[in-house]
């Protein structure tokens, strides 16, 4: 066997030039690492023991359990990978070139000898360098080496490129020798698709609640100061469209129809009138003003809701109110501070005036 004379930049004696005090003066190496190629790497037992608890246990074994020549065997990986591993134990550094060439081997070594910092570096590097051809092999290694972040990255890549991964040799090997892992991959893909669908549904619902919140703001805006063609009876509405005119225009159309609907006058109710009643009720459920609110029928709805506090009120309606309030809060928090301040300045600059909509149900009740 030949003793390996390491290059200056990674030889154990090169750390004497390291700035750290513990590496200023090093004694002669007192132990050797033996690789699969028969090469012997001279190292210091104290440094290995301080970095790896596994190596410490190996070094401190009784004489009968190890060779008297003080040799630590690191087999099954290329000699250069072992050299890079020793370099990291001394300097806590590993070049990108070594990670690119021996990242898989270094991950295995860092797992076996419990070197977490090197394990994290290898996991991140392998996650960045994943390919369709290598993803299955890396996934199997990540599971054996207990690297959950790397395993998750592999799972996501398989899920995103499933058809291409199916054509690789790694996938065929997996189907023949590890059907349990194949089942877990398929389950992960199914759960991922369910999460995507749930997120899409939640985003869609959030948009609906946000639209209702905007409609509440537009209703209050119309009833207080007016907008284009609809406004307080004693005040001329402003002709300049507001910032949310697309929503505001729809509310204006509902108000116009609600005021002139023939079915409502004769005791009936069309779908537009029902929607207007719902908007008025929703506003009353959200409004935190008592007598100062200018939206019509707000006080009447509040009184009716107080009478229904015995539990008869629809639970779905309560949930709708909570969702609309939550959507409004989240929307206001998501705005940048400058835009939020500009919106507040714009609102405070407008004049507030009263508005009364003289519309009640024919029987005198409030729905």
Protein backbone atom coordinates (compact mmCIF):
# COMPACT_ATOMS: atom_id res chain seq x y z
CA UNK A 1 0.00 0.00 0.00
CA UNK A 2 1.15 3.48 -0.83
CA UNK A 3 0.82 6.49 1.45
CA UNK A 4 -0.98 9.28 -0.34
CA UNK A 5 0.96 12.54 -0.54
CA UNK A 6 -1.85 15.04 -0.83
CA UNK A 7 -1.43 18.28 -2.79
CA UNK A 8 -0.34 21.25 -0.72
CA UNK A 9 -3.77 22.91 -0.75
CA UNK A 10 -5.46 19.92 0.87
CA UNK A 11 -2.62 18.21 2.74
CA UNK A 12 -3.22 18.21 6.52
CA UNK A 13 -0.04 20.22 7.09
CA UNK A 14 -1.36 22.98 4.82
CA UNK A 15 -3.84 23.99 7.48
CA UNK A 16 -0.91 25.35 9.48
CA UNK A 17 -1.33 28.45 7.38
CA UNK A 18 -4.99 28.67 8.40
CA UNK A 19 -5.84 31.76 10.41
CA UNK A 20 -7.69 29.82 13.09
CA UNK A 21 -5.58 29.44 16.25
CA UNK A 22 -6.22 25.71 16.62
CA UNK A 23 -4.51 25.09 13.25
CA UNK A 24 -1.45 27.30 13.74
CA UNK A 25 0.78 24.49 15.05
CA UNK A 26 -0.05 20.89 14.22
CA UNK A 27 1.89 17.83 15.33
CA UNK A 28 2.74 14.99 13.01
CA UNK A 29 -0.23 12.90 11.83
CA UNK A 30 -0.84 10.02 14.20
CA UNK A 31 -3.37 8.01 12.19
CA UNK A 32 -4.07 7.03 8.58
CA UNK A 33 -7.22 6.74 6.49
CA UNK A 34 -7.22 3.80 4.11
CA UNK A 35 -9.26 4.10 0.89
CA UNK A 36 -10.59 1.49 -1.53
CA UNK A 37 -7.66 2.14 -3.88
CA UNK A 38 -5.16 1.18 -1.21
CA UNK A 39 -4.03 4.74 -0.56
CA UNK A 40 -3.18 5.89 2.95
CA UNK A 41 -4.00 9.47 3.99
CA UNK A 42 -2.12 10.75 7.06
CA UNK A 43 -4.46 12.65 9.40
CA UNK A 44 -4.72 13.86 13.00
CA UNK A 45 -6.99 11.85 15.23
CA UNK A 46 -7.88 14.84 17.42
CA UNK A 47 -9.21 16.82 14.45
CA UNK A 48 -11.25 13.90 13.10
CA UNK A 49 -12.69 13.19 16.55
CA UNK A 50 -13.65 16.84 17.06
CA UNK A 51 -15.62 16.98 13.81
CA UNK A 52 -17.23 13.53 13.65
CA UNK A 53 -18.55 11.58 16.60
CA UNK A 54 -18.52 8.39 14.50
CA UNK A 55 -14.84 8.79 13.70
CA UNK A 56 -14.21 9.54 17.39
CA UNK A 57 -15.79 6.22 18.37
CA UNK A 58 -13.73 4.39 15.74
CA UNK A 59 -10.51 6.02 16.87
CA UNK A 60 -11.22 5.34 20.54
CA UNK A 61 -11.98 1.67 20.04
CA UNK A 62 -9.94 -0.74 22.20
CA UNK A 63 -6.82 -2.18 20.58
CA UNK A 64 -8.41 -5.60 20.11
CA UNK A 65 -11.15 -4.13 17.92
CA UNK A 66 -8.88 -2.27 15.55
CA UNK A 67 -5.47 -2.52 13.94
CA UNK A 68 -2.44 -1.56 16.00
CA UNK A 69 -1.28 0.59 13.11
CA UNK A 70 -4.12 3.06 13.78
CA UNK A 71 -5.86 2.88 10.43
CA UNK A 72 -9.42 4.04 9.70
CA UNK A 73 -10.97 2.34 6.68
CA UNK A 74 -13.20 4.48 4.42
CA UNK A 75 -14.13 2.16 1.58
CA UNK A 76 -16.64 2.05 -1.23
CA UNK A 77 -16.04 5.54 -2.64
CA UNK A 78 -13.36 6.99 -4.96
CA UNK A 79 -10.08 8.05 -3.39
CA UNK A 80 -10.60 11.64 -4.53
CA UNK A 81 -13.93 11.74 -2.72
CA UNK A 82 -12.22 10.63 0.49
CA UNK A 83 -9.56 13.31 -0.02
CA UNK A 84 -12.28 15.94 -0.41
CA UNK A 85 -14.01 14.60 2.68
CA UNK A 86 -10.80 14.90 4.71
CA UNK A 87 -10.27 18.41 3.39
CA UNK A 88 -13.72 19.40 4.65
CA UNK A 89 -13.01 17.90 8.06
CA UNK A 90 -9.93 20.13 8.35
CA UNK A 91 -11.11 23.33 6.73
CA UNK A 92 -14.96 23.18 6.60
CA UNK A 93 -14.67 24.05 2.92
CA UNK A 94 -15.50 22.11 -0.22
CA UNK A 95 -15.08 23.46 -3.74
CA UNK A 96 -17.82 23.38 -6.34
CA UNK A 97 -15.61 21.21 -8.53
CA UNK A 98 -15.46 18.47 -5.89
CA UNK A 99 -19.20 18.80 -5.26
CA UNK A 100 -19.85 18.45 -8.98
CA UNK A 101 -17.64 15.36 -9.30
CA UNK A 102 -18.26 13.63 -5.97
CA UNK A 103 -21.43 15.21 -4.55
CA UNK A 104 -23.21 11.85 -4.28
CA UNK A 105 -20.24 10.20 -2.54
CA UNK A 106 -19.76 13.12 -0.19
CA UNK A 107 -23.44 13.00 0.76
CA UNK A 108 -23.07 9.33 1.67
CA UNK A 109 -19.88 9.98 3.65
CA UNK A 110 -21.38 12.94 5.51
CA UNK A 111 -24.38 10.80 6.46
CA UNK A 112 -22.36 7.79 7.59
CA UNK A 113 -19.88 9.85 9.65
CA UNK A 114 -22.41 12.44 10.89
CA UNK A 115 -21.04 15.64 9.38
CA UNK A 116 -24.22 17.76 9.08
CA UNK A 117 -22.66 20.86 7.50
CA UNK A 118 -21.24 18.89 4.60
CA UNK A 119 -24.50 16.99 4.29
CA UNK A 120 -26.46 20.24 3.92
CA UNK A 121 -24.05 21.53 1.28
CA UNK A 122 -24.24 18.30 -0.70
CA UNK A 123 -28.03 18.21 -0.48
CA UNK A 124 -28.39 21.77 -1.78
CA UNK A 125 -25.86 21.18 -4.56
CA UNK A 126 -27.52 17.96 -5.73
CA UNK A 127 -30.95 19.62 -5.61
CA UNK A 128 -29.68 22.38 -7.92
CA UNK A 129 -28.09 19.90 -10.33
CA UNK A 130 -31.00 17.46 -10.64
CA UNK A 131 -31.68 16.07 -14.12
CA UNK A 132 -34.42 13.84 -15.46
CA UNK A 133 -31.98 10.96 -15.93
CA UNK A 134 -30.49 11.18 -12.43
CA UNK A 135 -33.50 12.19 -10.32
CA UNK A 136 -34.55 8.63 -9.40
CA UNK A 137 -31.03 7.64 -8.35
CA UNK A 138 -30.66 10.80 -6.27
CA UNK A 139 -34.08 10.23 -4.72
CA UNK A 140 -33.13 6.74 -3.58
CA UNK A 141 -29.86 8.03 -2.14
CA UNK A 142 -31.63 10.91 -0.39
CA UNK A 143 -34.00 8.49 1.31
CA UNK A 144 -31.16 6.23 2.44
CA UNK A 145 -29.14 9.22 3.71
CA UNK A 146 -32.11 10.83 5.48
CA UNK A 147 -32.00 14.04 3.42
CA UNK A 148 -35.65 15.23 3.44
CA UNK A 149 -35.06 18.50 1.58
CA UNK A 150 -33.28 16.73 -1.26
CA UNK A 151 -35.93 14.01 -1.30
CA UNK A 152 -38.68 16.64 -1.57
CA UNK A 153 -36.87 18.35 -4.46
CA UNK A 154 -36.62 15.02 -6.26
CA UNK A 155 -40.30 14.28 -5.67
CA UNK A 156 -41.30 17.66 -7.08
CA UNK A 157 -39.16 17.14 -10.17
CA UNK A 158 -40.62 13.68 -10.77
CA UNK A 159 -44.12 15.09 -10.36
CA UNK A 160 -43.42 17.93 -12.81
CA UNK A 161 -41.72 15.73 -15.46
CA UNK A 162 -43.44 12.42 -14.84
CA UNK A 163 -43.80 11.34 -18.47
CA UNK A 164 -40.12 12.00 -19.20
CA UNK A 165 -38.97 10.29 -15.98
CA UNK A 166 -41.00 7.20 -16.90
CA UNK A 167 -38.74 6.63 -19.90
CA UNK A 168 -35.49 6.59 -17.89
CA UNK A 169 -33.61 3.50 -16.81
CA UNK A 170 -33.82 4.62 -13.20
CA UNK A 171 -37.61 4.46 -13.28
CA UNK A 172 -37.60 0.99 -14.85
CA UNK A 173 -35.19 -0.20 -12.16
CA UNK A 174 -37.42 1.35 -9.52
CA UNK A 175 -40.49 -0.47 -10.81
CA UNK A 176 -38.69 -3.81 -10.67
CA UNK A 177 -36.86 -3.49 -7.35
CA UNK A 178 -38.65 -0.86 -5.24
CA UNK A 179 -42.42 -0.83 -5.91
CA UNK A 180 -43.04 0.71 -2.48
CA UNK A 181 -41.12 3.86 -3.47
CA UNK A 182 -43.00 3.93 -6.77
CA UNK A 183 -46.28 3.87 -4.83
CA UNK A 184 -45.07 6.71 -2.60
CA UNK A 185 -44.17 8.78 -5.66
CA UNK A 186 -47.63 8.24 -7.15
CA UNK A 187 -49.26 9.15 -3.85
CA UNK A 188 -47.15 12.31 -3.66
CA UNK A 189 -48.24 13.26 -7.17
CA UNK A 190 -51.89 12.70 -6.30
CA UNK A 191 -51.61 14.75 -3.10
CA UNK A 192 -49.76 17.49 -4.99
CA UNK A 193 -52.54 17.67 -7.57
CA UNK A 194 -55.15 17.81 -4.81
CA UNK A 195 -53.26 20.66 -3.15
CA UNK A 196 -53.09 22.55 -6.44
CA UNK A 197 -56.83 22.12 -7.00
CA UNK A 198 -57.55 23.21 -3.45
CA UNK A 199 -55.36 26.29 -3.84
CA UNK A 200 -57.04 27.17 -7.14
CA UNK A 201 -60.45 26.80 -5.52
CA UNK A 202 -59.40 28.92 -2.54
CA UNK A 203 -58.02 31.63 -4.82
CA UNK A 204 -61.26 31.61 -6.80
CA UNK A 205 -63.32 31.88 -3.61
CA UNK A 206 -61.02 34.64 -2.36
CA UNK A 207 -61.62 36.61 -5.56
CA UNK A 208 -65.39 36.27 -5.05
CA UNK A 209 -65.16 37.46 -1.44
CA UNK A 210 -62.93 40.33 -2.51
CA UNK A 211 -65.47 41.33 -5.16
CA UNK A 212 -68.19 41.35 -2.50
CA UNK A 213 -65.95 43.48 -0.29
CA UNK A 214 -65.44 45.92 -3.17
CA UNK A 215 -69.20 45.96 -3.73
CA UNK A 216 -69.69 46.91 -0.06
CA UNK A 217 -67.25 49.79 -0.43
CA UNK A 218 -68.93 50.95 -3.62
CA UNK A 219 -72.38 50.79 -2.01
CA UNK A 220 -71.20 52.93 0.88
CA UNK A 221 -69.40 55.27 -1.53
CA UNK A 222 -72.55 55.75 -3.64
CA UNK A 223 -74.77 56.30 -0.61
CA UNK A 224 -72.42 58.85 0.95
CA UNK A 225 -71.14 60.94 -1.94
CA UNK A 226 -72.60 59.61 -5.18
CA UNK A 227 -70.85 58.46 -8.30
CA UNK A 228 -71.56 59.42 -11.95
CA UNK A 229 -75.33 58.84 -12.37
CA UNK A 230 -76.41 57.64 -8.92
CA UNK A 231 -76.05 59.48 -5.63
CA UNK A 232 -77.81 61.27 -2.77
CA UNK A 233 -81.16 62.81 -3.57
CA UNK A 234 -80.15 66.31 -2.51
CA UNK A 235 -76.66 66.27 -4.05
CA UNK A 236 -75.49 66.13 -7.63
CA UNK A 237 -73.30 63.01 -8.08
CA UNK A 238 -69.73 63.47 -9.18
CA UNK A 239 -69.30 62.84 -12.90
CA UNK A 240 -65.76 61.60 -12.57
CA UNK A 241 -65.62 57.78 -12.31
CA UNK A 242 -64.16 56.41 -9.09
CA UNK A 243 -61.15 54.08 -8.82
CA UNK A 244 -63.38 50.97 -8.75
CA UNK A 245 -65.84 52.11 -11.37
CA UNK A 246 -66.28 48.67 -12.94
CA UNK A 247 -67.70 47.36 -9.66
CA UNK A 248 -69.36 50.64 -8.80
CA UNK A 249 -71.18 50.71 -12.13
CA UNK A 250 -72.69 47.28 -11.46
CA UNK A 251 -73.94 48.42 -8.05
CA UNK A 252 -75.44 51.52 -9.65
CA UNK A 253 -77.35 49.39 -12.12
CA UNK A 254 -78.70 47.27 -9.27
CA UNK A 255 -79.82 50.40 -7.38
CA UNK A 256 -81.56 51.80 -10.47
CA UNK A 257 -83.35 48.55 -11.11
CA UNK A 258 -84.25 48.15 -7.43
CA UNK A 259 -85.88 51.59 -7.38
CA UNK A 260 -88.03 50.99 -10.49
CA UNK A 261 -88.65 47.21 -10.55
CA UNK A 262 -92.34 46.52 -11.25
CA UNK A 263 -92.23 43.05 -9.66
CA UNK A 264 -90.97 44.45 -6.38
CA UNK A 265 -93.67 47.11 -6.33
CA UNK A 266 -96.41 44.48 -6.83
CA UNK A 267 -95.10 42.15 -4.15
CA UNK A 268 -92.76 40.02 -6.25
CA UNK A 269 -89.00 39.94 -6.48
CA UNK A 270 -86.72 39.33 -9.47
CA UNK A 271 -83.19 38.01 -9.13
CA UNK A 272 -81.71 41.52 -9.37
CA UNK A 273 -83.85 42.73 -6.47
CA UNK A 274 -82.90 39.69 -4.41
CA UNK A 275 -79.25 40.42 -5.06
CA UNK A 276 -79.74 44.02 -3.93
CA UNK A 277 -81.41 42.84 -0.72
CA UNK A 278 -78.47 40.53 -0.13
CA UNK A 279 -75.98 43.38 -0.61
CA UNK A 280 -77.88 45.56 1.85
CA UNK A 281 -78.03 42.74 4.39
CA UNK A 282 -74.34 41.96 3.93
CA UNK A 283 -73.45 45.60 4.47
CA UNK A 284 -75.48 45.69 7.68
CA UNK A 285 -73.66 42.57 8.90
CA UNK A 286 -70.27 44.19 8.29
CA UNK A 287 -71.02 47.81 9.18
CA UNK A 288 -69.59 48.89 12.53
CA UNK A 289 -71.51 52.19 12.61
CA UNK A 290 -74.84 52.46 14.37
CA UNK A 291 -76.88 55.57 13.64
CA UNK A 292 -74.19 57.31 11.58
CA UNK A 293 -74.39 54.91 8.63
CA UNK A 294 -75.94 56.43 5.50
CA UNK A 295 -76.66 53.18 3.69
CA UNK A 296 -80.43 52.63 3.48
CA UNK A 297 -82.05 49.97 5.68
CA UNK A 298 -78.78 49.35 7.55
CA UNK A 299 -80.38 50.03 10.94
CA UNK A 300 -83.43 47.90 10.14
CA UNK A 301 -81.26 44.95 9.17
CA UNK A 302 -79.22 45.34 12.36
CA UNK A 303 -82.37 45.25 14.47
CA UNK A 304 -83.59 42.16 12.68
CA UNK A 305 -80.23 40.43 13.19
CA UNK A 306 -80.32 41.25 16.91
CA UNK A 307 -83.71 39.57 17.12
CA UNK A 308 -82.26 36.47 15.44
CA UNK A 309 -79.40 36.02 17.89
CA UNK A 310 -81.17 33.06 19.42
CA UNK A 311 -79.53 30.78 16.84
CA UNK A 312 -82.02 30.92 14.00
CA UNK A 313 -79.64 32.94 11.83
CA UNK A 314 -78.18 30.97 8.95
CA UNK A 315 -74.71 29.63 9.74
CA UNK A 316 -73.73 29.87 6.06
CA UNK A 317 -74.51 33.58 6.12
CA UNK A 318 -72.29 34.05 9.17
CA UNK A 319 -69.49 32.25 7.37
CA UNK A 320 -69.97 34.48 4.30
CA UNK A 321 -69.67 37.60 6.45
CA UNK A 322 -66.45 36.33 8.04
CA UNK A 323 -64.96 35.48 4.64
CA UNK A 324 -65.77 38.91 3.20
CA UNK A 325 -64.27 40.70 6.21
CA UNK A 326 -61.18 38.48 6.02
CA UNK A 327 -60.77 39.13 2.28
CA UNK A 328 -60.98 42.87 2.86
CA UNK A 329 -58.36 42.72 5.61
CA UNK A 330 -55.98 40.57 3.58
CA UNK A 331 -56.39 42.85 0.55
CA UNK A 332 -55.58 45.96 2.58
CA UNK A 333 -52.52 44.33 4.14
CA UNK A 334 -51.22 43.11 0.78
CA UNK A 335 -51.13 46.65 -0.64
CA UNK A 336 -47.77 48.45 -0.52
CA UNK A 337 -47.58 51.15 2.10
CA UNK A 338 -47.42 53.96 -0.47
CA UNK A 339 -50.48 52.75 -2.37
CA UNK A 340 -52.36 52.25 0.90
CA UNK A 341 -51.56 55.79 1.99
CA UNK A 342 -52.54 57.16 -1.43
CA UNK A 343 -55.87 55.33 -1.28
CA UNK A 344 -56.56 56.75 2.18
CA UNK A 345 -55.69 60.28 1.00
CA UNK A 346 -57.99 59.91 -2.00
CA UNK A 347 -60.86 58.75 0.18
CA UNK A 348 -60.38 61.46 2.79
CA UNK A 349 -60.27 64.16 0.12
CA UNK A 350 -63.81 63.48 -1.06
CA UNK A 351 -66.83 65.11 0.55
CA UNK A 352 -69.23 62.92 2.56
CA UNK A 353 -72.93 63.53 2.07
CA UNK A 354 -76.11 61.71 3.07
CA UNK A 355 -78.18 59.46 0.84
CA UNK A 356 -81.60 57.98 1.44
CA UNK A 357 -83.12 55.29 -0.74
CA UNK A 358 -86.86 55.31 -0.16
CA UNK A 359 -87.47 51.60 -0.81
CA UNK A 360 -89.08 49.09 1.52
CA UNK A 361 -90.89 45.84 1.07
CA UNK A 362 -94.64 46.14 0.17
CA UNK A 363 -95.63 44.39 3.43
CA UNK A 364 -93.43 46.77 5.42
CA UNK A 365 -91.01 44.05 6.58
CA UNK A 366 -87.27 43.82 6.08
CA UNK A 367 -85.84 40.64 4.63
